[in-house]
Structure formats: C-alpha cells, structure tokens
Amino acid sequence: MSKKNIFWTIVALVVGISLFYTFTGTEDPQLYQDTVEAERERQFKFLKYNLESPLKEEQKQALDSLDFYPIDPAFKVRARMVPAENKRILEIPMTDGSIERYIRHSFAEFDWQGQPLKLLLLQAEDETDRRNFFLAFADETSGEETYGGGRYLNLRQDGQSSITIDFNLAFNPYCAYNPDFACPIPPRENILEIPIRAGEKNYDK
C-alpha cells in the first residue's frame, strides 16, 4: 500500500471513530477520564490560586487537594428537555436570606437505574446565550458525604430538545468553602430522594 493510501486509510478510520462516538453517544474511556480530571484540576487551581477564589488566604495555603467521588461514566446521562408549562421568573432563596431571580425554563427528564427522574433547569435572567442552563440539586448524600446546601452543574443544551448532564462534574457552591458568600438553594423540584455519588464531596475545612 502506498503512503498516500495509508494516509487516507488512517483519515477514514479517525473519521469513522468520531462518527461512531457522535451517533452512539459513547466516548473513548481514557479520553473521558482525562477530560474530567482536567476539569477537576482546573477547579482546584482556581480555588487555590485565583484572586476571585472564595477561600481565605489561610485556606488557600492549607488546600492541597479537593475530594471527589471516583469518575463513573454511568453518571453521565442524556436527558430530554421538556419546556416548563409556565416559563415564569422564579425567585430562588439564597443562603443569606436574599433572593436571586432565574427563568423557570424546562425540565430535564431521563431514566436512572430504571427510575424516571426530572430536574428543573434554570436560566439566569440576564443570560445572553439561551443554550446555557444552571442546575442546582441536592440528594441523599447532602449534609453527610457532600455539602448540605446541595451542588451545582453548569449545563449547555447540545441538541434540539436534549441536554447532557454529567454528575461527575458536580461542584460545590462558594458558600461550601466560605459562609460569607451567598449561594442559591436548590429548588424543591431538584431535591432527589436517591444518592448521587458522583462529583465533588464535602469540603474538609
């Protein structure tokens, strides 16, 4: 086989693999692992070194790692987006008693271990990109293994009526590290009666 034919064979193989991942929704396991680990490392560096970190200086000096559940691809799910019947402004209470306004946009519906789940997707009132959403949730690990005030995910719509939720990327709000910060409390629709053992665990002060 000529070098030219070998080149185009490799190109075809790479394209074929890419299309397989695209249409089946699967990923290369090692690439997925590396991607999640890179995001967790970015989160750690932000907290430890960034001037906008919620950590106080003594906390930054003491921080040598964050605590996460092991990465489990099963916690990455594809959800169907169902528009909320009443897409109104929702006033979400904050941990300091104040209020923050979000659009009650839609529900993400999916099956989890044979059980149908539905989570409310919020959108910031001033969000300019209408494909970006905010998900605040709590579950049976909240207050024990994870932060009692719940955890967050920033999501982006990736289909006409679908969105990917990866709980491996769930992170703590600023108030988990510093009570001087005010954070949105998960709406009642997102209080899960099951444990979500994925993402960030409680911050050990």
Protein backbone atom coordinates (compact mmCIF):
# COMPACT_ATOMS: atom_id res chain seq x y z
CA MET A 1 0.00 0.00 0.00
CA SER A 2 1.34 3.45 -0.92
CA LYS A 3 1.96 6.17 1.66
CA LYS A 4 -0.89 8.17 0.14
CA ASN A 5 -3.31 5.26 0.55
CA ILE A 6 -2.12 4.65 4.11
CA PHE A 7 -2.73 8.32 4.92
CA TRP A 8 -6.30 8.25 3.60
CA THR A 9 -6.97 4.95 5.35
CA ILE A 10 -5.96 6.50 8.66
CA VAL A 11 -8.08 9.58 7.96
CA ALA A 12 -11.09 7.38 7.17
CA LEU A 13 -10.53 5.38 10.37
CA VAL A 14 -10.34 8.52 12.52
CA VAL A 15 -13.47 9.97 10.91
CA GLY A 16 -15.27 6.65 11.35
CA ILE A 17 -14.40 6.51 15.04
CA SER A 18 -15.50 10.12 15.52
CA LEU A 19 -18.83 9.43 13.82
CA PHE A 20 -19.31 6.32 15.96
CA TYR A 21 -18.82 8.34 19.15
CA THR A 22 -21.12 11.07 17.83
CA PHE A 23 -24.05 8.85 16.89
CA THR A 24 -23.79 6.30 19.69
CA GLY A 25 -23.18 8.84 22.45
CA THR A 26 -20.18 6.86 23.71
CA GLU A 27 -16.69 8.17 24.28
CA ASP A 28 -13.20 6.87 24.47
CA PRO A 29 -12.97 5.86 28.17
CA GLN A 30 -9.46 7.21 28.67
CA LEU A 31 -10.24 10.49 26.92
CA TYR A 32 -13.33 10.90 29.10
CA GLN A 33 -11.32 10.16 32.25
CA ASP A 34 -8.65 12.67 31.23
CA THR A 35 -11.26 15.34 30.43
CA VAL A 36 -12.97 15.08 33.82
CA GLU A 37 -9.64 15.00 35.66
CA ALA A 38 -8.51 18.12 33.78
CA GLU A 39 -11.68 19.96 34.81
CA ARG A 40 -11.18 18.92 38.43
CA GLU A 41 -7.57 20.14 38.29
CA ARG A 42 -8.76 23.46 36.83
CA GLN A 43 -11.25 23.78 39.68
CA PHE A 44 -8.55 23.07 42.28
CA LYS A 45 -6.15 25.65 40.77
CA PHE A 46 -8.88 28.27 40.69
CA LEU A 47 -9.69 27.78 44.37
CA LYS A 48 -6.05 27.74 45.43
CA TYR A 49 -4.56 30.47 43.27
CA ASN A 50 -7.20 32.74 41.77
CA LEU A 51 -7.83 36.16 43.27
CA GLU A 52 -11.59 35.58 42.94
CA SER A 53 -11.45 32.30 44.90
CA PRO A 54 -13.88 32.14 47.84
CA LEU A 55 -11.10 30.70 50.01
CA LYS A 56 -9.41 32.87 52.58
CA GLU A 57 -5.65 33.12 52.43
CA GLU A 58 -5.07 30.60 55.20
CA GLN A 59 -7.45 28.19 53.46
CA LYS A 60 -5.54 28.54 50.19
CA GLN A 61 -2.27 27.73 51.93
CA ALA A 62 -3.75 24.64 53.58
CA LEU A 63 -5.52 23.36 50.44
CA ASP A 64 -3.60 20.55 48.76
CA SER A 65 -6.49 18.75 47.01
CA LEU A 66 -10.25 18.54 46.61
CA ASP A 67 -12.26 15.43 47.46
CA PHE A 68 -14.21 13.75 44.66
CA TYR A 69 -16.03 10.51 44.06
CA PRO A 70 -14.30 8.20 41.58
CA ILE A 71 -15.16 9.05 37.98
CA ASP A 72 -18.02 6.86 36.79
CA PRO A 73 -19.29 7.27 33.20
CA ALA A 74 -22.66 5.87 34.29
CA PHE A 75 -23.35 9.25 35.91
CA LYS A 76 -23.21 10.97 32.54
CA VAL A 77 -26.75 10.91 31.17
CA ARG A 78 -28.60 12.21 28.16
CA ALA A 79 -31.83 13.97 29.10
CA ARG A 80 -34.86 15.11 27.15
CA MET A 81 -35.75 18.78 27.62
CA VAL A 82 -39.42 19.41 28.25
CA PRO A 83 -40.42 23.11 28.36
CA ALA A 84 -41.98 24.25 31.61
CA GLU A 85 -45.69 24.93 31.23
CA ASN A 86 -45.28 28.24 32.96
CA LYS A 87 -41.91 29.69 31.94
CA ARG A 88 -42.01 32.39 34.58
CA ILE A 89 -39.45 34.16 36.69
CA LEU A 90 -38.63 32.11 39.79
CA GLU A 91 -37.23 33.78 42.89
CA ILE A 92 -34.65 31.40 44.34
CA PRO A 93 -33.78 31.93 48.03
CA MET A 94 -30.11 32.37 48.82
CA THR A 95 -28.24 31.04 51.86
CA ASP A 96 -28.10 34.57 53.36
CA GLY A 97 -31.85 35.09 53.05
CA SER A 98 -31.71 37.22 49.92
CA ILE A 99 -33.35 36.33 46.57
CA GLU A 100 -31.91 35.68 43.13
CA ARG A 101 -34.09 35.63 40.02
CA TYR A 102 -33.98 32.85 37.40
CA ILE A 103 -36.16 31.81 34.50
CA ARG A 104 -38.03 28.58 35.22
CA HIS A 105 -37.12 27.24 31.81
CA SER A 106 -37.61 23.50 31.34
CA PHE A 107 -37.28 20.03 32.82
CA ALA A 108 -34.55 17.52 32.04
CA GLU A 109 -36.14 14.07 32.00
CA PHE A 110 -34.16 10.82 31.99
CA ASP A 111 -34.12 7.31 33.40
CA TRP A 112 -31.73 6.49 36.20
CA GLN A 113 -31.34 2.82 37.11
CA GLY A 114 -34.85 2.11 35.85
CA GLN A 115 -36.34 5.07 37.70
CA PRO A 116 -37.66 8.15 35.85
CA LEU A 117 -36.12 11.41 37.09
CA LYS A 118 -37.00 15.01 36.30
CA LEU A 119 -34.85 18.02 37.19
CA LEU A 120 -35.70 21.69 36.79
CA LEU A 121 -33.34 23.65 34.56
CA LEU A 122 -32.92 27.30 35.46
CA GLN A 123 -31.61 30.11 33.31
CA ALA A 124 -30.15 33.34 34.62
CA GLU A 125 -32.40 36.31 33.93
CA ASP A 126 -29.53 38.13 32.18
CA GLU A 127 -28.19 35.08 30.28
CA THR A 128 -27.39 36.10 26.70
CA ASP A 129 -26.75 32.57 25.39
CA ARG A 130 -30.10 30.77 25.52
CA ARG A 131 -28.43 27.35 25.38
CA ASN A 132 -26.80 27.77 28.80
CA PHE A 133 -28.51 26.48 31.94
CA PHE A 134 -27.95 26.22 35.67
CA LEU A 135 -28.79 23.10 37.68
CA ALA A 136 -28.76 23.18 41.48
CA PHE A 137 -29.60 19.89 43.16
CA ALA A 138 -29.44 18.07 46.47
CA ASP A 139 -29.64 14.33 47.12
CA GLU A 140 -29.37 11.75 49.88
CA THR A 141 -25.63 12.39 50.27
CA SER A 142 -26.22 16.09 51.04
CA GLY A 143 -25.20 17.03 54.57
CA GLU A 144 -23.13 13.88 55.00
CA GLU A 145 -20.82 12.93 52.16
CA THR A 146 -21.50 16.12 50.21
CA TYR A 147 -22.27 19.74 51.06
CA GLY A 148 -25.60 20.14 52.83
CA GLY A 149 -26.67 23.06 50.66
CA GLY A 150 -26.51 20.97 47.50
CA ARG A 151 -24.24 21.06 44.48
CA TYR A 152 -24.27 22.75 41.09
CA LEU A 153 -23.81 22.00 37.41
CA ASN A 154 -23.45 24.46 34.55
CA LEU A 155 -25.05 22.85 31.51
CA ARG A 156 -25.27 23.59 27.80
CA GLN A 157 -28.02 22.37 25.52
CA ASP A 158 -26.39 20.13 22.92
CA GLY A 159 -29.40 19.00 20.90
CA GLN A 160 -32.66 20.39 19.58
CA SER A 161 -34.51 19.12 22.65
CA SER A 162 -31.82 17.34 24.64
CA ILE A 163 -29.07 18.10 27.11
CA THR A 164 -26.22 16.11 28.67
CA ILE A 165 -25.94 16.00 32.46
CA ASP A 166 -22.62 14.77 33.82
CA PHE A 167 -22.81 14.43 37.60
CA ASN A 168 -19.07 13.66 37.65
CA LEU A 169 -18.65 17.42 37.13
CA ALA A 170 -20.93 18.45 40.00
CA PHE A 171 -19.21 21.09 42.13
CA ASN A 172 -19.70 22.83 45.45
CA PRO A 173 -21.06 26.37 45.68
CA TYR A 174 -18.82 29.10 47.10
CA CYS A 175 -20.65 29.03 50.43
CA ALA A 176 -19.39 25.46 50.97
CA TYR A 177 -15.92 26.98 51.38
CA ASN A 178 -16.78 30.33 52.91
CA PRO A 179 -20.08 31.20 54.66
CA ASP A 180 -19.56 34.87 53.78
CA PHE A 181 -20.80 34.03 50.27
CA ALA A 182 -24.48 33.72 49.38
CA CYS A 183 -25.50 30.78 47.19
CA PRO A 184 -28.78 29.70 45.55
CA ILE A 185 -30.63 26.93 47.38
CA PRO A 186 -31.77 24.06 45.12
CA PRO A 187 -35.48 24.34 44.23
CA ARG A 188 -37.81 21.70 45.67
CA GLU A 189 -38.09 20.02 42.24
CA ASN A 190 -34.38 19.17 42.45
CA ILE A 191 -34.30 17.56 45.89
CA LEU A 192 -33.59 13.95 44.96
CA GLU A 193 -34.52 11.03 47.20
CA ILE A 194 -31.61 8.97 45.88
CA PRO A 195 -27.85 9.30 46.43
CA ILE A 196 -25.76 10.81 43.64
CA ARG A 197 -22.29 9.54 44.46
CA ALA A 198 -20.51 11.46 41.73
CA GLY A 199 -18.73 14.79 41.56
CA GLU A 200 -17.30 16.80 44.42
CA LYS A 201 -17.60 15.73 48.04
CA ASN A 202 -17.84 17.98 51.09
CA TYR A 203 -15.04 20.46 51.66
CA ASP A 204 -12.97 19.50 54.69
CA LYS A 205 -12.11 22.72 56.49
